[in-house]
Amino acid sequence: MTSNGAGGSIAMRAACALLGRGPTKRRYLSPERMRGEYFARSYPSPVEPRHGIRKLGSVKESRIAGTRVLTVTPRKPSGRHIIYTHGGTYINELVRPHWWIIAELVRRTGAAVTVPLYRLAPEHSYREGYALLTEVYRRVLDGTEAADVVLSGDSAGGGLAVGQALHFAAEGLPAPGQLLLFSPWLDITGTNPETKRYQRVDPMLAVPGAVEAGSWWADGENPRHPLLSPVFAQPDALAALPPVEIHQGDRDICMADTRLFESRMHDAGGRLTVHTYLGAFHVFVALPFLPESRVAYGRMATLLR
């Protein structure tokens, strides 16, 4: 496991302080508040790609299984193709910082990036999500060798990227070449005893609300199912995963499960690299201007080019 810096940059510490004053963590500390908010909502719309994304190349929209799927193709494509699933504890739509991540991936790697706007809980469940993502993967394979496909995502989308690799293997589909994950949410049960230690320093998230959101996404399924909580996948399935690279901060509530996933991958003989960034918050790469983010994107460019 590698680390960056000693306590985080000044910019990182300032970002953590600002996030800690926001409303997000208070929401995730109260499942009752979340139920009142989300069960009464109108279904949200994603933030649309703006001029900065469109300057990088073409943005194509398609419909797969009745769901919008966007693909950003750079003007000089490298031949790599990233399928990016966004985070938001499976209940929140794609927002502008997700586009900042996607833009950096396109800019730094020359890869095309496909973004499935999968349907969210509590209105929808993981079953619909995996049906969509399987069809998206098949479509991408029509034009790209499996070895050149990267499954990527942040937070819940990072867990979903691992789940996709497990699911595609079970379906007999060719394995993608790489998994690239940012602060992945790998266990929706919230039962790791180490998680509470990280909750104390995480400026954004808390266990009670995350577990509530995960239960909506599971929709009655056992939350330890590997497609919901990949940390519980069998050793043979973990060993068969493509190489996994994770970028994550040590002020991230999901770090406890990443450490457990790292241990289980190691025991299974899997291929995993975890880059840990001291003082960094959950999905810190969504702010590409941070010094730690620049280091992370430099590593990704080396990996994917």
C-alpha atoms as a PDB file:
ATOM      1  CA  MET A   1       0.000   0.000   0.000  1.00  0.00           C
ATOM      2  CA  THR A   2       1.394   3.388  -0.932  1.00  0.00           C
ATOM      3  CA  SER A   3       0.673   6.784   0.596  1.00  0.00           C
ATOM      4  CA  ASN A   4       1.064  10.374  -0.483  1.00  0.00           C
ATOM      5  CA  GLY A   5       2.223  13.246   1.670  1.00  0.00           C
ATOM      6  CA  ALA A   6       2.057  13.664   5.460  1.00  0.00           C
ATOM      7  CA  GLY A   7      -1.354  14.715   6.727  1.00  0.00           C
ATOM      8  CA  GLY A   8      -2.577  16.114   3.441  1.00  0.00           C
ATOM      9  CA  SER A   9      -1.959  19.354   1.599  1.00  0.00           C
ATOM     10  CA  ILE A  10      -3.222  22.716   2.813  1.00  0.00           C
ATOM     11  CA  ALA A  11      -5.820  22.634   0.028  1.00  0.00           C
ATOM     12  CA  MET A  12      -6.977  19.183   1.142  1.00  0.00           C
ATOM     13  CA  ARG A  13      -7.335  20.270   4.757  1.00  0.00           C
ATOM     14  CA  ALA A  14      -9.338  23.312   3.668  1.00  0.00           C
ATOM     15  CA  ALA A  15     -11.626  21.157   1.510  1.00  0.00           C
ATOM     16  CA  CYS A  16     -12.241  18.787   4.432  1.00  0.00           C
ATOM     17  CA  ALA A  17     -13.122  21.695   6.699  1.00  0.00           C
ATOM     18  CA  LEU A  18     -15.634  23.062   4.177  1.00  0.00           C
ATOM     19  CA  LEU A  19     -17.226  19.644   3.627  1.00  0.00           C
ATOM     20  CA  GLY A  20     -17.527  19.139   7.366  1.00  0.00           C
ATOM     21  CA  ARG A  21     -19.688  22.252   7.621  1.00  0.00           C
ATOM     22  CA  GLY A  22     -22.097  21.023   4.952  1.00  0.00           C
ATOM     23  CA  PRO A  23     -25.396  19.147   5.431  1.00  0.00           C
ATOM     24  CA  THR A  24     -24.406  15.795   3.936  1.00  0.00           C
ATOM     25  CA  LYS A  25     -23.091  14.044   7.028  1.00  0.00           C
ATOM     26  CA  ARG A  26     -26.049  15.209   9.137  1.00  0.00           C
ATOM     27  CA  ARG A  27     -28.365  13.617   6.579  1.00  0.00           C
ATOM     28  CA  TYR A  28     -26.483  10.307   6.680  1.00  0.00           C
ATOM     29  CA  LEU A  29     -26.594  10.242  10.471  1.00  0.00           C
ATOM     30  CA  SER A  30     -30.417  10.105  10.344  1.00  0.00           C
ATOM     31  CA  PRO A  31     -32.132   7.279   8.407  1.00  0.00           C
ATOM     32  CA  GLU A  32     -35.475   8.745   9.477  1.00  0.00           C
ATOM     33  CA  ARG A  33     -34.631  12.039   7.813  1.00  0.00           C
ATOM     34  CA  MET A  34     -33.501  10.187   4.693  1.00  0.00           C
ATOM     35  CA  ARG A  35     -36.718   8.175   4.476  1.00  0.00           C
ATOM     36  CA  GLY A  36     -38.776  11.336   4.770  1.00  0.00           C
ATOM     37  CA  GLU A  37     -36.714  13.043   2.064  1.00  0.00           C
ATOM     38  CA  TYR A  38     -36.249  10.266  -0.475  1.00  0.00           C
ATOM     39  CA  PHE A  39     -39.620   8.543  -0.335  1.00  0.00           C
ATOM     40  CA  ALA A  40     -41.362  11.861  -0.965  1.00  0.00           C
ATOM     41  CA  ARG A  41     -39.083  13.084  -3.768  1.00  0.00           C
ATOM     42  CA  SER A  42     -39.632  13.529  -7.464  1.00  0.00           C
ATOM     43  CA  TYR A  43     -37.183  11.297  -9.327  1.00  0.00           C
ATOM     44  CA  PRO A  44     -33.993  13.335  -9.909  1.00  0.00           C
ATOM     45  CA  SER A  45     -32.364  14.259 -13.200  1.00  0.00           C
ATOM     46  CA  PRO A  46     -28.607  13.988 -13.786  1.00  0.00           C
ATOM     47  CA  VAL A  47     -26.436  16.997 -14.448  1.00  0.00           C
ATOM     48  CA  GLU A  48     -25.858  17.225 -18.193  1.00  0.00           C
ATOM     49  CA  PRO A  49     -22.357  17.383 -19.728  1.00  0.00           C
ATOM     50  CA  ARG A  50     -21.250  20.961 -20.219  1.00  0.00           C
ATOM     51  CA  HIS A  51     -18.952  22.764 -22.601  1.00  0.00           C
ATOM     52  CA  GLY A  52     -15.789  21.553 -20.867  1.00  0.00           C
ATOM     53  CA  ILE A  53     -16.685  17.946 -21.609  1.00  0.00           C
ATOM     54  CA  ARG A  54     -17.798  18.653 -25.157  1.00  0.00           C
ATOM     55  CA  LYS A  55     -14.488  20.404 -25.897  1.00  0.00           C
ATOM     56  CA  LEU A  56     -12.713  17.081 -25.350  1.00  0.00           C
ATOM     57  CA  GLY A  57     -14.529  15.315 -28.197  1.00  0.00           C
ATOM     58  CA  SER A  58     -17.938  14.000 -29.116  1.00  0.00           C
ATOM     59  CA  VAL A  59     -20.734  13.184 -26.660  1.00  0.00           C
ATOM     60  CA  LYS A  60     -23.119  10.546 -27.953  1.00  0.00           C
ATOM     61  CA  GLU A  61     -26.376   9.543 -26.274  1.00  0.00           C
ATOM     62  CA  SER A  62     -28.069   6.178 -26.715  1.00  0.00           C
ATOM     63  CA  ARG A  63     -30.877   4.253 -25.063  1.00  0.00           C
ATOM     64  CA  ILE A  64     -30.185   0.818 -23.630  1.00  0.00           C
ATOM     65  CA  ALA A  65     -32.957  -1.049 -21.835  1.00  0.00           C
ATOM     66  CA  GLY A  66     -34.873   2.225 -21.873  1.00  0.00           C
ATOM     67  CA  THR A  67     -32.115   4.026 -19.979  1.00  0.00           C
ATOM     68  CA  ARG A  68     -29.885   6.896 -21.103  1.00  0.00           C
ATOM     69  CA  VAL A  69     -26.260   6.025 -21.720  1.00  0.00           C
ATOM     70  CA  LEU A  70     -23.720   8.724 -22.621  1.00  0.00           C
ATOM     71  CA  THR A  71     -20.352   8.127 -24.284  1.00  0.00           C
ATOM     72  CA  VAL A  72     -17.563  10.709 -24.455  1.00  0.00           C
ATOM     73  CA  THR A  73     -15.043   9.951 -27.218  1.00  0.00           C
ATOM     74  CA  PRO A  74     -11.864  12.069 -27.399  1.00  0.00           C
ATOM     75  CA  ARG A  75     -10.662  13.501 -30.680  1.00  0.00           C
ATOM     76  CA  LYS A  76      -7.595  11.241 -30.588  1.00  0.00           C
ATOM     77  CA  PRO A  77      -8.806   8.044 -28.906  1.00  0.00           C
ATOM     78  CA  SER A  78      -6.264   5.668 -27.417  1.00  0.00           C
ATOM     79  CA  GLY A  79      -8.331   2.552 -28.044  1.00  0.00           C
ATOM     80  CA  ARG A  80      -9.157   2.130 -24.362  1.00  0.00           C
ATOM     81  CA  HIS A  81     -12.805   2.241 -23.300  1.00  0.00           C
ATOM     82  CA  ILE A  82     -13.857   3.026 -19.726  1.00  0.00           C
ATOM     83  CA  ILE A  83     -17.332   2.168 -18.423  1.00  0.00           C
ATOM     84  CA  TYR A  84     -17.864   4.630 -15.570  1.00  0.00           C
ATOM     85  CA  THR A  85     -20.544   4.118 -12.912  1.00  0.00           C
ATOM     86  CA  HIS A  86     -21.096   7.164 -10.709  1.00  0.00           C
ATOM     87  CA  GLY A  87     -21.428   7.194  -6.948  1.00  0.00           C
ATOM     88  CA  GLY A  88     -24.107   8.574  -4.652  1.00  0.00           C
ATOM     89  CA  THR A  89     -24.936   5.610  -2.349  1.00  0.00           C
ATOM     90  CA  TYR A  90     -27.171   4.284  -5.152  1.00  0.00           C
ATOM     91  CA  ILE A  91     -29.771   6.950  -4.379  1.00  0.00           C
ATOM     92  CA  ASN A  92     -28.308  10.162  -5.833  1.00  0.00           C
ATOM     93  CA  GLU A  93     -27.914  11.109  -9.480  1.00  0.00           C
ATOM     94  CA  LEU A  94     -24.778  12.009 -11.356  1.00  0.00           C
ATOM     95  CA  VAL A  95     -23.630  15.518 -10.404  1.00  0.00           C
ATOM     96  CA  ARG A  96     -21.109  17.996 -11.767  1.00  0.00           C
ATOM     97  CA  PRO A  97     -18.055  16.637  -9.853  1.00  0.00           C
ATOM     98  CA  HIS A  98     -18.639  13.274 -11.538  1.00  0.00           C
ATOM     99  CA  TRP A  99     -18.216  15.019 -14.881  1.00  0.00           C
ATOM    100  CA  TRP A 100     -14.968  16.521 -13.571  1.00  0.00           C
ATOM    101  CA  ILE A 101     -13.694  12.989 -12.893  1.00  0.00           C
ATOM    102  CA  ILE A 102     -14.833  11.805 -16.317  1.00  0.00           C
ATOM    103  CA  ALA A 103     -13.203  14.790 -18.021  1.00  0.00           C
ATOM    104  CA  GLU A 104      -9.881  14.054 -16.337  1.00  0.00           C
ATOM    105  CA  LEU A 105     -10.063  10.398 -17.366  1.00  0.00           C
ATOM    106  CA  VAL A 106     -10.673  11.373 -20.998  1.00  0.00           C
ATOM    107  CA  ARG A 107      -8.007  14.081 -20.949  1.00  0.00           C
ATOM    108  CA  ARG A 108      -5.321  12.070 -19.152  1.00  0.00           C
ATOM    109  CA  THR A 109      -5.795   8.651 -20.772  1.00  0.00           C
ATOM    110  CA  GLY A 110      -7.310   9.269 -24.217  1.00  0.00           C
ATOM    111  CA  ALA A 111      -9.939   6.645 -23.421  1.00  0.00           C
ATOM    112  CA  ALA A 112     -13.552   6.819 -24.494  1.00  0.00           C
ATOM    113  CA  VAL A 113     -15.794   6.872 -21.421  1.00  0.00           C
ATOM    114  CA  THR A 114     -19.292   5.405 -21.371  1.00  0.00           C
ATOM    115  CA  VAL A 115     -21.543   6.598 -18.545  1.00  0.00           C
ATOM    116  CA  PRO A 116     -24.690   4.524 -17.892  1.00  0.00           C
ATOM    117  CA  LEU A 117     -27.263   6.604 -16.014  1.00  0.00           C
ATOM    118  CA  TYR A 118     -28.495   3.581 -14.075  1.00  0.00           C
ATOM    119  CA  ARG A 119     -31.790   3.863 -12.241  1.00  0.00           C
ATOM    120  CA  LEU A 120     -31.633   4.727  -8.576  1.00  0.00           C
ATOM    121  CA  ALA A 121     -33.045   3.416  -5.319  1.00  0.00           C
ATOM    122  CA  PRO A 122     -35.470   3.593  -3.637  1.00  0.00           C
ATOM    123  CA  GLU A 123     -37.499   3.671  -6.871  1.00  0.00           C
ATOM    124  CA  HIS A 124     -35.365   0.935  -8.472  1.00  0.00           C
ATOM    125  CA  SER A 125     -32.994  -1.831  -7.378  1.00  0.00           C
ATOM    126  CA  TYR A 126     -29.726  -3.554  -8.153  1.00  0.00           C
ATOM    127  CA  ARG A 127     -31.511  -6.108 -10.344  1.00  0.00           C
ATOM    128  CA  GLU A 128     -32.398  -3.443 -12.919  1.00  0.00           C
ATOM    129  CA  GLY A 129     -28.939  -1.955 -12.579  1.00  0.00           C
ATOM    130  CA  TYR A 130     -27.125  -5.161 -13.456  1.00  0.00           C
ATOM    131  CA  ALA A 131     -29.487  -5.929 -16.336  1.00  0.00           C
ATOM    132  CA  LEU A 132     -28.619  -2.548 -17.839  1.00  0.00           C
ATOM    133  CA  LEU A 133     -24.880  -2.797 -17.188  1.00  0.00           C
ATOM    134  CA  THR A 134     -24.647  -6.254 -18.731  1.00  0.00           C
ATOM    135  CA  GLU A 135     -26.185  -4.938 -21.949  1.00  0.00           C
ATOM    136  CA  VAL A 136     -23.912  -1.875 -21.865  1.00  0.00           C
ATOM    137  CA  TYR A 137     -20.878  -4.148 -21.562  1.00  0.00           C
ATOM    138  CA  ARG A 138     -22.023  -6.291 -24.480  1.00  0.00           C
ATOM    139  CA  ARG A 139     -22.443  -3.160 -26.626  1.00  0.00           C
ATOM    140  CA  VAL A 140     -18.976  -1.875 -25.708  1.00  0.00           C
ATOM    141  CA  LEU A 141     -17.475  -5.282 -26.575  1.00  0.00           C
ATOM    142  CA  ASP A 142     -18.938  -4.952 -30.077  1.00  0.00           C
ATOM    143  CA  GLY A 143     -16.316  -2.281 -30.795  1.00  0.00           C
ATOM    144  CA  THR A 144     -13.552  -2.853 -28.222  1.00  0.00           C
ATOM    145  CA  GLU A 145     -11.461  -5.851 -27.195  1.00  0.00           C
ATOM    146  CA  ALA A 146     -12.259  -6.931 -23.639  1.00  0.00           C
ATOM    147  CA  ALA A 147      -8.615  -6.406 -22.616  1.00  0.00           C
ATOM    148  CA  ASP A 148      -8.980  -2.703 -23.522  1.00  0.00           C
ATOM    149  CA  VAL A 149     -12.122  -2.207 -21.404  1.00  0.00           C
ATOM    150  CA  VAL A 150     -11.775  -0.650 -17.949  1.00  0.00           C
ATOM    151  CA  LEU A 151     -14.560  -0.806 -15.362  1.00  0.00           C
ATOM    152  CA  SER A 152     -14.354   2.292 -13.188  1.00  0.00           C
ATOM    153  CA  GLY A 153     -16.417   4.203 -10.668  1.00  0.00           C
ATOM    154  CA  ASP A 154     -16.474   6.162  -7.443  1.00  0.00           C
ATOM    155  CA  SER A 155     -18.048   5.222  -4.111  1.00  0.00           C
ATOM    156  CA  ALA A 156     -21.173   3.144  -4.843  1.00  0.00           C
ATOM    157  CA  GLY A 157     -20.129   3.181  -8.495  1.00  0.00           C
ATOM    158  CA  GLY A 158     -16.780   1.700  -7.478  1.00  0.00           C
ATOM    159  CA  GLY A 159     -18.507  -1.155  -5.693  1.00  0.00           C
ATOM    160  CA  LEU A 160     -20.702  -1.543  -8.746  1.00  0.00           C
ATOM    161  CA  ALA A 161     -17.612  -1.806 -10.968  1.00  0.00           C
ATOM    162  CA  VAL A 162     -16.329  -4.748  -8.897  1.00  0.00           C
ATOM    163  CA  GLY A 163     -19.807  -6.282  -8.883  1.00  0.00           C
ATOM    164  CA  GLN A 164     -19.955  -6.005 -12.665  1.00  0.00           C
ATOM    165  CA  ALA A 165     -16.679  -7.895 -13.054  1.00  0.00           C
ATOM    166  CA  LEU A 166     -17.991 -10.653 -10.769  1.00  0.00           C
ATOM    167  CA  HIS A 167     -21.310 -10.762 -12.619  1.00  0.00           C
ATOM    168  CA  PHE A 168     -19.788 -10.772 -16.106  1.00  0.00           C
ATOM    169  CA  ALA A 169     -17.558 -13.706 -15.124  1.00  0.00           C
ATOM    170  CA  ALA A 170     -20.582 -15.627 -13.857  1.00  0.00           C
ATOM    171  CA  GLU A 171     -22.360 -14.881 -17.150  1.00  0.00           C
ATOM    172  CA  GLY A 172     -19.441 -16.265 -19.142  1.00  0.00           C
ATOM    173  CA  LEU A 173     -18.510 -12.919 -20.680  1.00  0.00           C
ATOM    174  CA  PRO A 174     -14.851 -12.076 -21.354  1.00  0.00           C
ATOM    175  CA  ALA A 175     -13.132 -10.315 -18.488  1.00  0.00           C
ATOM    176  CA  PRO A 176     -12.334  -6.596 -18.780  1.00  0.00           C
ATOM    177  CA  GLY A 177      -8.696  -5.618 -18.672  1.00  0.00           C
ATOM    178  CA  GLN A 178      -8.679  -3.465 -15.539  1.00  0.00           C
ATOM    179  CA  LEU A 179     -10.711  -2.143 -12.612  1.00  0.00           C
ATOM    180  CA  LEU A 180     -10.009   1.476 -11.601  1.00  0.00           C
ATOM    181  CA  LEU A 181     -11.808   2.516  -8.420  1.00  0.00           C
ATOM    182  CA  PHE A 182     -12.111   5.727  -6.410  1.00  0.00           C
ATOM    183  CA  SER A 183     -13.105   5.334  -2.745  1.00  0.00           C
ATOM    184  CA  PRO A 184     -15.221   2.248  -3.544  1.00  0.00           C
ATOM    185  CA  TRP A 185     -18.159   1.283  -1.334  1.00  0.00           C
ATOM    186  CA  LEU A 186     -17.551  -2.455  -1.057  1.00  0.00           C
ATOM    187  CA  ASP A 187     -19.872  -3.443   1.807  1.00  0.00           C
ATOM    188  CA  ILE A 188     -23.396  -2.073   2.201  1.00  0.00           C
ATOM    189  CA  THR A 189     -23.921  -3.903   5.530  1.00  0.00           C
ATOM    190  CA  GLY A 190     -21.899  -1.402   7.589  1.00  0.00           C
ATOM    191  CA  THR A 191     -20.842  -4.234   9.923  1.00  0.00           C
ATOM    192  CA  ASN A 192     -17.059  -3.807   9.750  1.00  0.00           C
ATOM    193  CA  PRO A 193     -16.090  -2.801  13.325  1.00  0.00           C
ATOM    194  CA  GLU A 194     -13.277  -0.587  11.981  1.00  0.00           C
ATOM    195  CA  THR A 195     -15.759   1.606  10.087  1.00  0.00           C
ATOM    196  CA  LYS A 196     -16.731   3.630  13.166  1.00  0.00           C
ATOM    197  CA  ARG A 197     -13.133   4.780  13.559  1.00  0.00           C
ATOM    198  CA  TYR A 198     -13.204   6.228  10.047  1.00  0.00           C
ATOM    199  CA  GLN A 199     -16.677   7.708  10.549  1.00  0.00           C
ATOM    200  CA  ARG A 200     -15.244   9.972  13.262  1.00  0.00           C
ATOM    201  CA  VAL A 201     -12.883  11.649  10.781  1.00  0.00           C
ATOM    202  CA  ASP A 202     -14.957  11.433   7.583  1.00  0.00           C
ATOM    203  CA  PRO A 203     -16.394  14.910   6.889  1.00  0.00           C
ATOM    204  CA  MET A 204     -19.132  13.643   4.533  1.00  0.00           C
ATOM    205  CA  LEU A 205     -20.663  10.265   5.337  1.00  0.00           C
ATOM    206  CA  ALA A 206     -22.015   8.198   8.222  1.00  0.00           C
ATOM    207  CA  VAL A 207     -22.894   4.528   8.599  1.00  0.00           C
ATOM    208  CA  PRO A 208     -26.630   4.676   9.497  1.00  0.00           C
ATOM    209  CA  GLY A 209     -27.766   6.483   6.358  1.00  0.00           C
ATOM    210  CA  ALA A 210     -25.446   4.536   4.083  1.00  0.00           C
ATOM    211  CA  VAL A 211     -26.819   1.237   5.388  1.00  0.00           C
ATOM    212  CA  GLU A 212     -30.355   2.543   4.866  1.00  0.00           C
ATOM    213  CA  ALA A 213     -29.582   3.507   1.263  1.00  0.00           C
ATOM    214  CA  GLY A 214     -27.932   0.146   0.666  1.00  0.00           C
ATOM    215  CA  SER A 215     -31.031  -1.666   1.893  1.00  0.00           C
ATOM    216  CA  TRP A 216     -33.167   0.228  -0.645  1.00  0.00           C
ATOM    217  CA  TRP A 217     -30.803  -0.788  -3.449  1.00  0.00           C
ATOM    218  CA  ALA A 218     -30.796  -4.428  -2.239  1.00  0.00           C
ATOM    219  CA  ASP A 219     -34.619  -4.502  -2.256  1.00  0.00           C
ATOM    220  CA  GLY A 220     -34.942  -7.574  -0.032  1.00  0.00           C
ATOM    221  CA  GLU A 221     -31.784  -9.367  -1.177  1.00  0.00           C
ATOM    222  CA  ASN A 222     -29.185 -10.435   1.398  1.00  0.00           C
ATOM    223  CA  PRO A 223     -26.909  -7.366   1.715  1.00  0.00           C
ATOM    224  CA  ARG A 224     -23.895  -9.712   1.841  1.00  0.00           C
ATOM    225  CA  HIS A 225     -24.578 -10.816  -1.737  1.00  0.00           C
ATOM    226  CA  PRO A 226     -21.340 -10.193  -3.698  1.00  0.00           C
ATOM    227  CA  LEU A 227     -23.132  -8.024  -6.262  1.00  0.00           C
ATOM    228  CA  LEU A 228     -24.094  -5.714  -3.396  1.00  0.00           C
ATOM    229  CA  SER A 229     -21.069  -6.135  -1.129  1.00  0.00           C
ATOM    230  CA  PRO A 230     -18.128  -7.457  -3.180  1.00  0.00           C
ATOM    231  CA  VAL A 231     -15.978  -7.758  -0.060  1.00  0.00           C
ATOM    232  CA  PHE A 232     -17.908 -10.987   0.648  1.00  0.00           C
ATOM    233  CA  ALA A 233     -17.182 -12.613  -2.731  1.00  0.00           C
ATOM    234  CA  GLN A 234     -15.703 -16.117  -2.659  1.00  0.00           C
ATOM    235  CA  PRO A 235     -11.899 -16.426  -2.879  1.00  0.00           C
ATOM    236  CA  ASP A 236     -11.991 -18.073  -6.311  1.00  0.00           C
ATOM    237  CA  ALA A 237     -14.081 -15.180  -7.658  1.00  0.00           C
ATOM    238  CA  LEU A 238     -11.693 -12.620  -6.160  1.00  0.00           C
ATOM    239  CA  ALA A 239      -8.682 -14.421  -7.602  1.00  0.00           C
ATOM    240  CA  ALA A 240     -10.254 -14.308 -11.069  1.00  0.00           C
ATOM    241  CA  LEU A 241     -10.815 -10.531 -11.036  1.00  0.00           C
ATOM    242  CA  PRO A 242      -8.804  -8.395 -13.468  1.00  0.00           C
ATOM    243  CA  PRO A 243      -6.091  -6.240 -11.874  1.00  0.00           C
ATOM    244  CA  VAL A 244      -7.676  -3.736  -9.471  1.00  0.00           C
ATOM    245  CA  GLU A 245      -6.311  -0.266  -8.687  1.00  0.00           C
ATOM    246  CA  ILE A 246      -7.870   1.831  -5.917  1.00  0.00           C
ATOM    247  CA  HIS A 247      -7.285   5.501  -5.075  1.00  0.00           C
ATOM    248  CA  GLN A 248      -8.589   6.448  -1.641  1.00  0.00           C
ATOM    249  CA  GLY A 249      -8.095   8.854   1.241  1.00  0.00           C
ATOM    250  CA  ASP A 250      -7.557   7.877   4.862  1.00  0.00           C
ATOM    251  CA  ARG A 251     -10.383  10.156   6.055  1.00  0.00           C
ATOM    252  CA  ASP A 252     -12.876   8.033   4.115  1.00  0.00           C
ATOM    253  CA  ILE A 253     -15.525   5.952   5.847  1.00  0.00           C
ATOM    254  CA  CYS A 254     -15.152   3.318   3.116  1.00  0.00           C
ATOM    255  CA  MET A 255     -11.457   2.769   3.861  1.00  0.00           C
ATOM    256  CA  ALA A 256     -12.104   0.073   6.479  1.00  0.00           C
ATOM    257  CA  ASP A 257     -13.763  -2.114   3.868  1.00  0.00           C
ATOM    258  CA  THR A 258     -11.046  -1.381   1.313  1.00  0.00           C
ATOM    259  CA  ARG A 259      -8.480  -2.655   3.801  1.00  0.00           C
ATOM    260  CA  LEU A 260     -10.557  -5.801   4.352  1.00  0.00           C
ATOM    261  CA  PHE A 261     -10.996  -6.235   0.592  1.00  0.00           C
ATOM    262  CA  GLU A 262      -7.236  -5.827   0.153  1.00  0.00           C
ATOM    263  CA  SER A 263      -6.602  -8.551   2.729  1.00  0.00           C
ATOM    264  CA  ARG A 264      -9.084 -10.941   1.132  1.00  0.00           C
ATOM    265  CA  MET A 265      -7.749 -10.268  -2.348  1.00  0.00           C
ATOM    266  CA  HIS A 266      -4.218 -10.959  -1.098  1.00  0.00           C
ATOM    267  CA  ASP A 267      -5.293 -14.217   0.582  1.00  0.00           C
ATOM    268  CA  ALA A 268      -7.082 -15.283  -2.611  1.00  0.00           C
ATOM    269  CA  GLY A 269      -4.089 -14.529  -4.810  1.00  0.00           C
ATOM    270  CA  GLY A 270      -5.819 -11.600  -6.532  1.00  0.00           C
ATOM    271  CA  ARG A 271      -4.116  -8.602  -8.103  1.00  0.00           C
ATOM    272  CA  LEU A 272      -4.744  -5.352  -6.219  1.00  0.00           C
ATOM    273  CA  THR A 273      -2.955  -2.042  -5.706  1.00  0.00           C
ATOM    274  CA  VAL A 274      -4.265   0.496  -3.181  1.00  0.00           C
ATOM    275  CA  HIS A 275      -2.944   4.074  -3.273  1.00  0.00           C
ATOM    276  CA  THR A 276      -3.729   5.798   0.028  1.00  0.00           C
ATOM    277  CA  TYR A 277      -3.691   9.612   0.297  1.00  0.00           C
ATOM    278  CA  LEU A 278      -3.190  11.006   3.776  1.00  0.00           C
ATOM    279  CA  GLY A 279      -5.803  13.478   4.941  1.00  0.00           C
ATOM    280  CA  ALA A 280      -7.969  12.925   1.862  1.00  0.00           C
ATOM    281  CA  PHE A 281     -11.768  12.680   2.017  1.00  0.00           C
ATOM    282  CA  HIS A 282     -14.217  10.384   0.245  1.00  0.00           C
ATOM    283  CA  VAL A 283     -13.832  10.605  -3.574  1.00  0.00           C
ATOM    284  CA  PHE A 284     -11.335  13.458  -3.277  1.00  0.00           C
ATOM    285  CA  VAL A 285     -10.462  13.033  -6.983  1.00  0.00           C
ATOM    286  CA  ALA A 286     -13.746  14.815  -7.778  1.00  0.00           C
ATOM    287  CA  LEU A 287     -11.773  18.007  -7.082  1.00  0.00           C
ATOM    288  CA  PRO A 288      -9.051  17.624  -9.737  1.00  0.00           C
ATOM    289  CA  PHE A 289      -7.201  20.787  -8.680  1.00  0.00           C
ATOM    290  CA  LEU A 290      -6.125  19.305  -5.320  1.00  0.00           C
ATOM    291  CA  PRO A 291      -2.437  18.310  -5.222  1.00  0.00           C
ATOM    292  CA  GLU A 292      -3.375  14.779  -4.167  1.00  0.00           C
ATOM    293  CA  SER A 293      -5.803  14.509  -7.080  1.00  0.00           C
ATOM    294  CA  ARG A 294      -3.112  15.577  -9.542  1.00  0.00           C
ATOM    295  CA  VAL A 295      -0.871  12.798  -8.226  1.00  0.00           C
ATOM    296  CA  ALA A 296      -3.720  10.290  -8.538  1.00  0.00           C
ATOM    297  CA  TYR A 297      -4.564  11.260 -12.116  1.00  0.00           C
ATOM    298  CA  GLY A 298      -0.891  11.074 -13.052  1.00  0.00           C
ATOM    299  CA  ARG A 299      -0.811   7.503 -11.787  1.00  0.00           C
ATOM    300  CA  MET A 300      -3.972   6.679 -13.731  1.00  0.00           C
ATOM    301  CA  ALA A 301      -2.508   8.088 -16.920  1.00  0.00           C
ATOM    302  CA  THR A 302       0.554   5.867 -16.502  1.00  0.00           C
ATOM    303  CA  LEU A 303      -1.653   2.849 -15.810  1.00  0.00           C
ATOM    304  CA  LEU A 304      -3.996   3.278 -18.773  1.00  0.00           C
ATOM    305  CA  ARG A 305      -1.620   4.595 -21.401  1.00  0.00           C
END
